[in-house]
Full PDB file with SEQRES, HELIX, SHEET, SSBOND, CRYST1, ORIGX, SCALE, CONECT and MASTER records, all heavy atoms in Angstrom:
SEQRES   1 A   38  ASN ASN LYS ILE LEU ARG VAL ASN MET THR ASN ILE ARG          
SEQRES   2 A   38  ARG LYS ILE GLY ASP ASP PRO ALA GLU PRO LYS TYR ILE          
SEQRES   3 A   38  PHE THR GLU SER GLY VAL GLY TYR ARG MET ALA GLU              
HELIX    1 AA1 LYS A    3  ILE A   16  1                                  14    
SHEET    1 AA1 2 ILE A  26  GLU A  29  0                                        
SHEET    2 AA1 2 GLY A  33  MET A  36 -1                                        
CRYST1    1.000    1.000    1.000  90.00  90.00  90.00 P 1           1          
ORIGX1      1.000000  0.000000  0.000000        0.00000                         
ORIGX2      0.000000  1.000000  0.000000        0.00000                         
ORIGX3      0.000000  0.000000  1.000000        0.00000                         
SCALE1      1.000000  0.000000  0.000000        0.00000                         
SCALE2      0.000000  1.000000  0.000000        0.00000                         
SCALE3      0.000000  0.000000  1.000000        0.00000                         
ATOM      1  N   ASN A   1       0.188  -5.070  16.266  1.00  0.00           N  
ATOM      2  CA  ASN A   1      -0.336  -5.876  15.169  1.00  0.00           C  
ATOM      3  C   ASN A   1      -0.896  -4.998  14.086  1.00  0.00           C  
ATOM      4  O   ASN A   1      -1.834  -4.176  14.291  1.00  0.00           O  
ATOM      5  CB  ASN A   1      -1.421  -6.796  15.745  1.00  0.00           C  
ATOM      6  CG  ASN A   1      -1.943  -7.766  14.710  1.00  0.00           C  
ATOM      7  OD1 ASN A   1      -1.765  -7.516  13.511  1.00  0.00           O  
ATOM      8  ND2 ASN A   1      -2.578  -8.858  15.148  1.00  0.00           N  
ATOM      9  N   ASN A   2      -0.270  -5.008  12.881  1.00  0.00           N  
ATOM     10  CA  ASN A   2      -0.676  -4.093  11.857  1.00  0.00           C  
ATOM     11  C   ASN A   2      -1.727  -4.666  10.853  1.00  0.00           C  
ATOM     12  O   ASN A   2      -1.839  -4.195   9.748  1.00  0.00           O  
ATOM     13  CB  ASN A   2       0.531  -3.598  11.089  1.00  0.00           C  
ATOM     14  CG  ASN A   2       1.294  -4.689  10.435  1.00  0.00           C  
ATOM     15  OD1 ASN A   2       0.869  -5.861  10.264  1.00  0.00           O  
ATOM     16  ND2 ASN A   2       2.480  -4.410   9.906  1.00  0.00           N  
ATOM     17  N   LYS A   3      -2.426  -5.669  11.316  1.00  0.00           N  
ATOM     18  CA  LYS A   3      -3.451  -6.285  10.434  1.00  0.00           C  
ATOM     19  C   LYS A   3      -4.465  -5.243   9.949  1.00  0.00           C  
ATOM     20  O   LYS A   3      -4.883  -5.153   8.807  1.00  0.00           O  
ATOM     21  CB  LYS A   3      -4.187  -7.376  11.092  1.00  0.00           C  
ATOM     22  CG  LYS A   3      -5.211  -8.119  10.220  1.00  0.00           C  
ATOM     23  CD  LYS A   3      -5.878  -9.293  10.936  1.00  0.00           C  
ATOM     24  CE  LYS A   3      -6.967  -9.898  10.087  1.00  0.00           C  
ATOM     25  NZ  LYS A   3      -7.637 -11.057  10.795  1.00  0.00           N  
ATOM     26  N   ILE A   4      -4.939  -4.392  10.947  1.00  0.00           N  
ATOM     27  CA  ILE A   4      -5.995  -3.355  10.605  1.00  0.00           C  
ATOM     28  C   ILE A   4      -5.442  -2.358   9.570  1.00  0.00           C  
ATOM     29  O   ILE A   4      -6.167  -1.904   8.708  1.00  0.00           O  
ATOM     30  CB  ILE A   4      -6.437  -2.643  11.853  1.00  0.00           C  
ATOM     31  CG1 ILE A   4      -7.617  -1.810  11.554  1.00  0.00           C  
ATOM     32  CG2 ILE A   4      -5.330  -1.853  12.527  1.00  0.00           C  
ATOM     33  CD1 ILE A   4      -8.299  -1.268  12.821  1.00  0.00           C  
ATOM     34  N   LEU A   5      -4.156  -2.111   9.646  1.00  0.00           N  
ATOM     35  CA  LEU A   5      -3.532  -1.182   8.699  1.00  0.00           C  
ATOM     36  C   LEU A   5      -3.457  -1.847   7.306  1.00  0.00           C  
ATOM     37  O   LEU A   5      -3.758  -1.204   6.310  1.00  0.00           O  
ATOM     38  CB  LEU A   5      -2.095  -0.804   9.169  1.00  0.00           C  
ATOM     39  CG  LEU A   5      -1.279   0.059   8.245  1.00  0.00           C  
ATOM     40  CD1 LEU A   5      -2.015   1.391   7.879  1.00  0.00           C  
ATOM     41  CD2 LEU A   5       0.091   0.331   8.812  1.00  0.00           C  
ATOM     42  N   ARG A   6      -3.094  -3.096   7.260  1.00  0.00           N  
ATOM     43  CA  ARG A   6      -2.950  -3.815   5.953  1.00  0.00           C  
ATOM     44  C   ARG A   6      -4.321  -3.898   5.274  1.00  0.00           C  
ATOM     45  O   ARG A   6      -4.451  -3.709   4.078  1.00  0.00           O  
ATOM     46  CB  ARG A   6      -2.384  -5.236   6.189  1.00  0.00           C  
ATOM     47  CG  ARG A   6      -0.952  -5.273   6.667  1.00  0.00           C  
ATOM     48  CD  ARG A   6      -0.341  -6.618   6.372  1.00  0.00           C  
ATOM     49  NE  ARG A   6      -1.106  -7.684   6.984  1.00  0.00           N  
ATOM     50  CZ  ARG A   6      -0.944  -8.163   8.228  1.00  0.00           C  
ATOM     51  NH1 ARG A   6      -0.060  -7.599   9.017  1.00  0.00           N  
ATOM     52  NH2 ARG A   6      -1.655  -9.162   8.697  1.00  0.00           N  
ATOM     53  N   VAL A   7      -5.383  -4.128   6.084  1.00  0.00           N  
ATOM     54  CA  VAL A   7      -6.728  -4.158   5.435  1.00  0.00           C  
ATOM     55  C   VAL A   7      -7.105  -2.842   4.852  1.00  0.00           C  
ATOM     56  O   VAL A   7      -7.590  -2.742   3.723  1.00  0.00           O  
ATOM     57  CB  VAL A   7      -7.788  -4.574   6.556  1.00  0.00           C  
ATOM     58  CG1 VAL A   7      -9.183  -4.399   6.023  1.00  0.00           C  
ATOM     59  CG2 VAL A   7      -7.566  -6.026   7.015  1.00  0.00           C  
ATOM     60  N   ASN A   8      -6.862  -1.766   5.568  1.00  0.00           N  
ATOM     61  CA  ASN A   8      -7.156  -0.459   5.056  1.00  0.00           C  
ATOM     62  C   ASN A   8      -6.292  -0.103   3.813  1.00  0.00           C  
ATOM     63  O   ASN A   8      -6.825   0.490   2.865  1.00  0.00           O  
ATOM     64  CB  ASN A   8      -6.999   0.588   6.171  1.00  0.00           C  
ATOM     65  CG  ASN A   8      -8.118   0.783   7.065  1.00  0.00           C  
ATOM     66  OD1 ASN A   8      -9.140   1.450   6.768  1.00  0.00           O  
ATOM     67  ND2 ASN A   8      -8.084   0.082   8.252  1.00  0.00           N  
ATOM     68  N   MET A   9      -5.040  -0.465   3.869  1.00  0.00           N  
ATOM     69  CA  MET A   9      -4.186  -0.222   2.702  1.00  0.00           C  
ATOM     70  C   MET A   9      -4.669  -0.985   1.449  1.00  0.00           C  
ATOM     71  O   MET A   9      -4.571  -0.489   0.341  1.00  0.00           O  
ATOM     72  CB  MET A   9      -2.744  -0.590   3.021  1.00  0.00           C  
ATOM     73  CG  MET A   9      -2.033   0.329   4.012  1.00  0.00           C  
ATOM     74  SD  MET A   9      -1.978   2.036   3.423  1.00  0.00           S  
ATOM     75  CE  MET A   9      -1.036   1.843   1.902  1.00  0.00           C  
ATOM     76  N   THR A  10      -5.075  -2.270   1.705  1.00  0.00           N  
ATOM     77  CA  THR A  10      -5.616  -2.971   0.525  1.00  0.00           C  
ATOM     78  C   THR A  10      -6.822  -2.303  -0.067  1.00  0.00           C  
ATOM     79  O   THR A  10      -6.930  -2.190  -1.346  1.00  0.00           O  
ATOM     80  CB  THR A  10      -6.051  -4.443   1.041  1.00  0.00           C  
ATOM     81  OG1 THR A  10      -4.881  -5.136   1.518  1.00  0.00           O  
ATOM     82  CG2 THR A  10      -6.642  -5.192  -0.122  1.00  0.00           C  
ATOM     83  N   ASN A  11      -7.712  -1.759   0.792  1.00  0.00           N  
ATOM     84  CA  ASN A  11      -8.917  -1.079   0.280  1.00  0.00           C  
ATOM     85  C   ASN A  11      -8.528   0.173  -0.481  1.00  0.00           C  
ATOM     86  O   ASN A  11      -9.096   0.536  -1.530  1.00  0.00           O  
ATOM     87  CB  ASN A  11      -9.841  -0.735   1.448  1.00  0.00           C  
ATOM     88  CG  ASN A  11     -10.490  -1.972   2.026  1.00  0.00           C  
ATOM     89  OD1 ASN A  11     -10.588  -3.026   1.363  1.00  0.00           O  
ATOM     90  ND2 ASN A  11     -10.890  -1.944   3.317  1.00  0.00           N  
ATOM     91  N   ILE A  12      -7.561   0.882   0.092  1.00  0.00           N  
ATOM     92  CA  ILE A  12      -7.122   2.198  -0.541  1.00  0.00           C  
ATOM     93  C   ILE A  12      -6.551   1.900  -1.930  1.00  0.00           C  
ATOM     94  O   ILE A  12      -6.900   2.589  -2.940  1.00  0.00           O  
ATOM     95  CB  ILE A  12      -6.101   2.885   0.324  1.00  0.00           C  
ATOM     96  CG1 ILE A  12      -6.720   3.473   1.613  1.00  0.00           C  
ATOM     97  CG2 ILE A  12      -5.364   4.053  -0.481  1.00  0.00           C  
ATOM     98  CD1 ILE A  12      -5.753   3.975   2.610  1.00  0.00           C  
ATOM     99  N   ARG A  13      -5.652   0.961  -1.981  1.00  0.00           N  
ATOM    100  CA  ARG A  13      -5.045   0.642  -3.289  1.00  0.00           C  
ATOM    101  C   ARG A  13      -6.086   0.186  -4.346  1.00  0.00           C  
ATOM    102  O   ARG A  13      -6.010   0.527  -5.491  1.00  0.00           O  
ATOM    103  CB  ARG A  13      -4.033  -0.500  -3.070  1.00  0.00           C  
ATOM    104  CG  ARG A  13      -2.653  -0.001  -2.439  1.00  0.00           C  
ATOM    105  CD  ARG A  13      -1.783  -1.085  -2.109  1.00  0.00           C  
ATOM    106  NE  ARG A  13      -0.381  -0.684  -1.986  1.00  0.00           N  
ATOM    107  CZ  ARG A  13       0.549  -1.237  -1.284  1.00  0.00           C  
ATOM    108  NH1 ARG A  13       0.215  -2.343  -0.542  1.00  0.00           N  
ATOM    109  NH2 ARG A  13       1.764  -0.834  -1.285  1.00  0.00           N  
ATOM    110  N   ARG A  14      -7.038  -0.596  -3.855  1.00  0.00           N  
ATOM    111  CA  ARG A  14      -8.086  -1.024  -4.829  1.00  0.00           C  
ATOM    112  C   ARG A  14      -8.896   0.159  -5.297  1.00  0.00           C  
ATOM    113  O   ARG A  14      -9.155   0.284  -6.576  1.00  0.00           O  
ATOM    114  CB  ARG A  14      -9.010  -2.020  -4.108  1.00  0.00           C  
ATOM    115  CG  ARG A  14     -10.215  -2.411  -4.901  1.00  0.00           C  
ATOM    116  CD  ARG A  14     -11.104  -3.459  -4.239  1.00  0.00           C  
ATOM    117  NE  ARG A  14     -11.435  -3.021  -2.875  1.00  0.00           N  
ATOM    118  CZ  ARG A  14     -12.451  -2.185  -2.601  1.00  0.00           C  
ATOM    119  NH1 ARG A  14     -13.184  -1.691  -3.580  1.00  0.00           N  
ATOM    120  NH2 ARG A  14     -12.698  -1.845  -1.345  1.00  0.00           N  
ATOM    121  N   LYS A  15      -9.209   1.109  -4.406  1.00  0.00           N  
ATOM    122  CA  LYS A  15     -10.067   2.209  -4.883  1.00  0.00           C  
ATOM    123  C   LYS A  15      -9.347   3.233  -5.772  1.00  0.00           C  
ATOM    124  O   LYS A  15      -9.930   3.833  -6.632  1.00  0.00           O  
ATOM    125  CB  LYS A  15     -10.473   2.982  -3.584  1.00  0.00           C  
ATOM    126  CG  LYS A  15     -11.575   2.192  -2.756  1.00  0.00           C  
ATOM    127  CD  LYS A  15     -12.001   2.914  -1.495  1.00  0.00           C  
ATOM    128  CE  LYS A  15     -13.036   2.086  -0.738  1.00  0.00           C  
ATOM    129  NZ  LYS A  15     -13.476   2.798   0.497  1.00  0.00           N  
ATOM    130  N   ILE A  16      -8.001   3.413  -5.528  1.00  0.00           N  
ATOM    131  CA  ILE A  16      -7.247   4.335  -6.397  1.00  0.00           C  
ATOM    132  C   ILE A  16      -6.580   3.665  -7.571  1.00  0.00           C  
ATOM    133  O   ILE A  16      -5.977   4.276  -8.407  1.00  0.00           O  
ATOM    134  CB  ILE A  16      -6.227   5.073  -5.578  1.00  0.00           C  
ATOM    135  CG1 ILE A  16      -5.047   4.159  -5.093  1.00  0.00           C  
ATOM    136  CG2 ILE A  16      -6.785   5.881  -4.438  1.00  0.00           C  
ATOM    137  CD1 ILE A  16      -3.937   4.904  -4.464  1.00  0.00           C  
ATOM    138  N   GLY A  17      -6.835   2.331  -7.716  1.00  0.00           N  
ATOM    139  CA  GLY A  17      -6.281   1.575  -8.858  1.00  0.00           C  
ATOM    140  C   GLY A  17      -4.782   1.402  -8.831  1.00  0.00           C  
ATOM    141  O   GLY A  17      -4.168   1.513  -9.899  1.00  0.00           O  
ATOM    142  N   ASP A  18      -4.255   1.138  -7.648  1.00  0.00           N  
ATOM    143  CA  ASP A  18      -2.788   0.939  -7.526  1.00  0.00           C  
ATOM    144  C   ASP A  18      -2.489  -0.517  -7.299  1.00  0.00           C  
ATOM    145  O   ASP A  18      -2.770  -1.061  -6.187  1.00  0.00           O  
ATOM    146  CB  ASP A  18      -2.285   1.797  -6.401  1.00  0.00           C  
ATOM    147  CG  ASP A  18      -0.783   2.056  -6.432  1.00  0.00           C  
ATOM    148  OD1 ASP A  18      -0.243   2.138  -7.577  1.00  0.00           O  
ATOM    149  OD2 ASP A  18      -0.197   2.144  -5.350  1.00  0.00           O  
ATOM    150  N   ASP A  19      -1.853  -1.164  -8.287  1.00  0.00           N  
ATOM    151  CA  ASP A  19      -1.518  -2.529  -8.124  1.00  0.00           C  
ATOM    152  C   ASP A  19      -0.286  -2.781  -7.244  1.00  0.00           C  
ATOM    153  O   ASP A  19       0.761  -2.282  -7.629  1.00  0.00           O  
ATOM    154  CB  ASP A  19      -1.292  -3.146  -9.571  1.00  0.00           C  
ATOM    155  CG  ASP A  19      -1.019  -4.675  -9.533  1.00  0.00           C  
ATOM    156  OD1 ASP A  19      -0.956  -5.214  -8.405  1.00  0.00           O  
ATOM    157  OD2 ASP A  19      -0.849  -5.233 -10.569  1.00  0.00           O  
ATOM    158  N   PRO A  20      -0.420  -3.434  -6.090  1.00  0.00           N  
ATOM    159  CA  PRO A  20       0.758  -3.612  -5.241  1.00  0.00           C  
ATOM    160  C   PRO A  20       1.892  -4.328  -5.884  1.00  0.00           C  
ATOM    161  O   PRO A  20       3.059  -4.257  -5.465  1.00  0.00           O  
ATOM    162  CB  PRO A  20       0.170  -4.410  -4.036  1.00  0.00           C  
ATOM    163  CG  PRO A  20      -1.122  -5.007  -4.540  1.00  0.00           C  
ATOM    164  CD  PRO A  20      -1.674  -4.125  -5.574  1.00  0.00           C  
ATOM    165  N   ALA A  21       1.547  -5.181  -6.930  1.00  0.00           N  
ATOM    166  CA  ALA A  21       2.593  -5.936  -7.622  1.00  0.00           C  
ATOM    167  C   ALA A  21       3.402  -4.985  -8.521  1.00  0.00           C  
ATOM    168  O   ALA A  21       4.608  -5.174  -8.746  1.00  0.00           O  
ATOM    169  CB  ALA A  21       2.018  -7.078  -8.433  1.00  0.00           C  
ATOM    170  N   GLU A  22       2.736  -3.949  -9.076  1.00  0.00           N  
ATOM    171  CA  GLU A  22       3.393  -2.954  -9.913  1.00  0.00           C  
ATOM    172  C   GLU A  22       2.863  -1.571  -9.520  1.00  0.00           C  
ATOM    173  O   GLU A  22       2.115  -0.935 -10.236  1.00  0.00           O  
ATOM    174  CB  GLU A  22       3.115  -3.257 -11.424  1.00  0.00           C  
ATOM    175  CG  GLU A  22       3.680  -4.564 -11.923  1.00  0.00           C  
ATOM    176  CD  GLU A  22       3.431  -4.741 -13.391  1.00  0.00           C  
ATOM    177  OE1 GLU A  22       2.937  -3.817 -14.045  1.00  0.00           O  
ATOM    178  OE2 GLU A  22       3.683  -5.818 -13.886  1.00  0.00           O  
ATOM    179  N   PRO A  23       3.307  -1.117  -8.334  1.00  0.00           N  
ATOM    180  CA  PRO A  23       2.699   0.126  -7.792  1.00  0.00           C  
ATOM    181  C   PRO A  23       3.129   1.341  -8.572  1.00  0.00           C  
ATOM    182  O   PRO A  23       4.225   1.493  -9.056  1.00  0.00           O  
ATOM    183  CB  PRO A  23       3.237   0.141  -6.391  1.00  0.00           C  
ATOM    184  CG  PRO A  23       4.525  -0.647  -6.441  1.00  0.00           C  
ATOM    185  CD  PRO A  23       4.281  -1.721  -7.457  1.00  0.00           C  
ATOM    186  N   LYS A  24       2.230   2.316  -8.615  1.00  0.00           N  
ATOM    187  CA  LYS A  24       2.497   3.595  -9.266  1.00  0.00           C  
ATOM    188  C   LYS A  24       2.496   4.680  -8.182  1.00  0.00           C  
ATOM    189  O   LYS A  24       3.267   5.693  -8.269  1.00  0.00           O  
ATOM    190  CB  LYS A  24       1.431   3.936 -10.299  1.00  0.00           C  
ATOM    191  CG  LYS A  24       1.625   5.279 -10.976  1.00  0.00           C  
ATOM    192  CD  LYS A  24       0.795   5.441 -12.220  1.00  0.00           C  
ATOM    193  CE  LYS A  24      -0.676   5.411 -11.943  1.00  0.00           C  
ATOM    194  NZ  LYS A  24      -1.524   5.750 -13.130  1.00  0.00           N  
ATOM    195  N   TYR A  25       1.683   4.504  -7.138  1.00  0.00           N  
ATOM    196  CA  TYR A  25       1.534   5.551  -6.067  1.00  0.00           C  
ATOM    197  C   TYR A  25       2.140   5.133  -4.724  1.00  0.00           C  
ATOM    198  O   TYR A  25       2.862   5.912  -4.123  1.00  0.00           O  
ATOM    199  CB  TYR A  25       0.052   5.869  -5.896  1.00  0.00           C  
ATOM    200  CG  TYR A  25      -0.649   6.307  -7.165  1.00  0.00           C  
ATOM    201  CD1 TYR A  25      -1.782   5.662  -7.560  1.00  0.00           C  
ATOM    202  CD2 TYR A  25      -0.201   7.419  -7.854  1.00  0.00           C  
ATOM    203  CE1 TYR A  25      -2.463   6.085  -8.745  1.00  0.00           C  
ATOM    204  CE2 TYR A  25      -0.875   7.856  -9.040  1.00  0.00           C  
ATOM    205  CZ  TYR A  25      -1.970   7.172  -9.449  1.00  0.00           C  
ATOM    206  OH  TYR A  25      -2.676   7.588 -10.608  1.00  0.00           O  
ATOM    207  N   ILE A  26       1.726   3.959  -4.206  1.00  0.00           N  
ATOM    208  CA  ILE A  26       2.162   3.508  -2.897  1.00  0.00           C  
ATOM    209  C   ILE A  26       3.090   2.353  -2.973  1.00  0.00           C  
ATOM    210  O   ILE A  26       2.749   1.318  -3.436  1.00  0.00           O  
ATOM    211  CB  ILE A  26       0.886   3.191  -2.053  1.00  0.00           C  
ATOM    212  CG1 ILE A  26      -0.077   4.350  -1.978  1.00  0.00           C  
ATOM    213  CG2 ILE A  26       1.294   2.854  -0.641  1.00  0.00           C  
ATOM    214  CD1 ILE A  26      -1.444   3.954  -1.307  1.00  0.00           C  
ATOM    215  N   PHE A  27       4.279   2.526  -2.449  1.00  0.00           N  
ATOM    216  CA  PHE A  27       5.314   1.493  -2.537  1.00  0.00           C  
ATOM    217  C   PHE A  27       5.525   0.925  -1.157  1.00  0.00           C  
ATOM    218  O   PHE A  27       5.570   1.663  -0.125  1.00  0.00           O  
ATOM    219  CB  PHE A  27       6.636   2.123  -3.069  1.00  0.00           C  
ATOM    220  CG  PHE A  27       6.518   2.712  -4.414  1.00  0.00           C  
ATOM    221  CD1 PHE A  27       6.154   3.991  -4.578  1.00  0.00           C  
ATOM    222  CD2 PHE A  27       6.776   1.877  -5.494  1.00  0.00           C  
ATOM    223  CE1 PHE A  27       5.997   4.477  -5.875  1.00  0.00           C  
ATOM    224  CE2 PHE A  27       6.689   2.449  -6.800  1.00  0.00           C  
ATOM    225  CZ  PHE A  27       6.302   3.753  -6.938  1.00  0.00           C  
ATOM    226  N   THR A  28       5.495  -0.433  -1.089  1.00  0.00           N  
ATOM    227  CA  THR A  28       5.779  -1.104   0.197  1.00  0.00           C  
ATOM    228  C   THR A  28       7.293  -1.304   0.425  1.00  0.00           C  
ATOM    229  O   THR A  28       7.995  -1.783  -0.400  1.00  0.00           O  
ATOM    230  CB  THR A  28       5.119  -2.449   0.207  1.00  0.00           C  
ATOM    231  OG1 THR A  28       3.699  -2.280   0.000  1.00  0.00           O  
ATOM    232  CG2 THR A  28       5.351  -3.192   1.528  1.00  0.00           C  
ATOM    233  N   GLU A  29       7.767  -0.770   1.571  1.00  0.00           N  
ATOM    234  CA  GLU A  29       9.135  -1.072   1.997  1.00  0.00           C  
ATOM    235  C   GLU A  29       9.091  -2.247   2.912  1.00  0.00           C  
ATOM    236  O   GLU A  29       8.670  -2.142   4.097  1.00  0.00           O  
ATOM    237  CB  GLU A  29       9.721   0.202   2.704  1.00  0.00           C  
ATOM    238  CG  GLU A  29       9.682   1.430   1.890  1.00  0.00           C  
ATOM    239  CD  GLU A  29      10.719   1.355   0.713  1.00  0.00           C  
ATOM    240  OE1 GLU A  29      11.645   0.577   0.752  1.00  0.00           O  
ATOM    241  OE2 GLU A  29      10.521   2.199  -0.219  1.00  0.00           O  
ATOM    242  N   SER A  30       9.417  -3.435   2.349  1.00  0.00           N  
ATOM    243  CA  SER A  30       9.186  -4.686   3.132  1.00  0.00           C  
ATOM    244  C   SER A  30       9.728  -4.679   4.532  1.00  0.00           C  
ATOM    245  O   SER A  30      10.863  -4.367   4.779  1.00  0.00           O  
ATOM    246  CB  SER A  30       9.859  -5.842   2.363  1.00  0.00           C  
ATOM    247  OG  SER A  30       9.592  -7.044   2.935  1.00  0.00           O  
ATOM    248  N   GLY A  31       8.766  -5.029   5.446  1.00  0.00           N  
ATOM    249  CA  GLY A  31       9.128  -5.096   6.862  1.00  0.00           C  
ATOM    250  C   GLY A  31       9.255  -3.780   7.546  1.00  0.00           C  
ATOM    251  O   GLY A  31       9.553  -3.784   8.790  1.00  0.00           O  
ATOM    252  N   VAL A  32       9.071  -2.633   6.766  1.00  0.00           N  
ATOM    253  CA  VAL A  32       9.285  -1.333   7.417  1.00  0.00           C  
ATOM    254  C   VAL A  32       8.061  -0.514   7.353  1.00  0.00           C  
ATOM    255  O   VAL A  32       7.507  -0.015   8.375  1.00  0.00           O  
ATOM    256  CB  VAL A  32      10.412  -0.607   6.676  1.00  0.00           C  
ATOM    257  CG1 VAL A  32      10.640   0.780   7.307  1.00  0.00           C  
ATOM    258  CG2 VAL A  32      11.739  -1.425   6.760  1.00  0.00           C  
ATOM    259  N   GLY A  33       7.485  -0.303   6.166  1.00  0.00           N  
ATOM    260  CA  GLY A  33       6.320   0.577   6.023  1.00  0.00           C  
ATOM    261  C   GLY A  33       5.972   0.880   4.572  1.00  0.00           C  
ATOM    262  O   GLY A  33       6.180   0.011   3.714  1.00  0.00           O  
ATOM    263  N   TYR A  34       5.571   2.087   4.337  1.00  0.00           N  
ATOM    264  CA  TYR A  34       5.102   2.456   2.994  1.00  0.00           C  
ATOM    265  C   TYR A  34       5.769   3.861   2.578  1.00  0.00           C  
ATOM    266  O   TYR A  34       6.136   4.688   3.418  1.00  0.00           O  
ATOM    267  CB  TYR A  34       3.638   2.722   2.924  1.00  0.00           C  
ATOM    268  CG  TYR A  34       2.824   1.423   3.299  1.00  0.00           C  
ATOM    269  CD1 TYR A  34       2.288   1.320   4.649  1.00  0.00           C  
ATOM    270  CD2 TYR A  34       2.661   0.417   2.496  1.00  0.00           C  
ATOM    271  CE1 TYR A  34       1.578   0.257   5.012  1.00  0.00           C  
ATOM    272  CE2 TYR A  34       1.969  -0.754   2.822  1.00  0.00           C  
ATOM    273  CZ  TYR A  34       1.429  -0.790   4.171  1.00  0.00           C  
ATOM    274  OH  TYR A  34       0.713  -1.913   4.515  1.00  0.00           O  
ATOM    275  N   ARG A  35       5.915   4.031   1.275  1.00  0.00           N  
ATOM    276  CA  ARG A  35       6.449   5.247   0.721  1.00  0.00           C  
ATOM    277  C   ARG A  35       5.513   5.714  -0.439  1.00  0.00           C  
ATOM    278  O   ARG A  35       5.267   4.973  -1.322  1.00  0.00           O  
ATOM    279  CB  ARG A  35       7.908   5.068   0.221  1.00  0.00           C  
ATOM    280  CG  ARG A  35       8.453   6.335  -0.440  1.00  0.00           C  
ATOM    281  CD  ARG A  35       9.924   6.085  -0.802  1.00  0.00           C  
ATOM    282  NE  ARG A  35      10.098   4.885  -1.605  1.00  0.00           N  
ATOM    283  CZ  ARG A  35       9.866   4.807  -2.967  1.00  0.00           C  
ATOM    284  NH1 ARG A  35       9.484   5.885  -3.618  1.00  0.00           N  
ATOM    285  NH2 ARG A  35      10.122   3.620  -3.606  1.00  0.00           N  
ATOM    286  N   MET A  36       5.044   6.966  -0.275  1.00  0.00           N  
ATOM    287  CA  MET A  36       4.235   7.515  -1.284  1.00  0.00           C  
ATOM    288  C   MET A  36       5.089   8.186  -2.357  1.00  0.00           C  
ATOM    289  O   MET A  36       6.032   8.878  -2.076  1.00  0.00           O  
ATOM    290  CB  MET A  36       3.243   8.542  -0.629  1.00  0.00           C  
ATOM    291  CG  MET A  36       2.072   8.920  -1.541  1.00  0.00           C  
ATOM    292  SD  MET A  36       0.753   7.689  -1.259  1.00  0.00           S  
ATOM    293  CE  MET A  36      -0.322   8.173  -2.695  1.00  0.00           C  
ATOM    294  N   ALA A  37       4.690   7.992  -3.673  1.00  0.00           N  
ATOM    295  CA  ALA A  37       5.396   8.675  -4.716  1.00  0.00           C  
ATOM    296  C   ALA A  37       5.370  10.198  -4.457  1.00  0.00           C  
ATOM    297  O   ALA A  37       4.436  10.770  -3.991  1.00  0.00           O  
ATOM    298  CB  ALA A  37       4.754   8.364  -6.019  1.00  0.00           C  
ATOM    299  N   GLU A  38       6.557  10.803  -4.635  1.00  0.00           N  
ATOM    300  CA  GLU A  38       6.733  12.199  -4.274  1.00  0.00           C  
ATOM    301  C   GLU A  38       5.861  13.118  -5.154  1.00  0.00           C  
ATOM    302  O   GLU A  38       5.779  12.926  -6.371  1.00  0.00           O  
ATOM    303  CB  GLU A  38       8.223  12.641  -4.472  1.00  0.00           C  
ATOM    304  CG  GLU A  38       8.479  13.991  -3.879  1.00  0.00           C  
ATOM    305  CD  GLU A  38      10.025  14.204  -3.676  1.00  0.00           C  
ATOM    306  OE1 GLU A  38      10.773  13.348  -3.998  1.00  0.00           O  
ATOM    307  OE2 GLU A  38      10.391  15.290  -3.201  1.00  0.00           O  
TER     308      GLU A  38                                                      
MASTER        0    0    0    1    2    0    0    6  307    1    0    3          
END                                                                             
């Protein structure tokens, strides 16, 4: 269950100013995971 991960990711994105709707740093690969900008 990745609920605890999602909560932490939400907090990280908020703190670094990364909008999940228009991400600059952390991209969500739907149903798979995350990809950080190189």
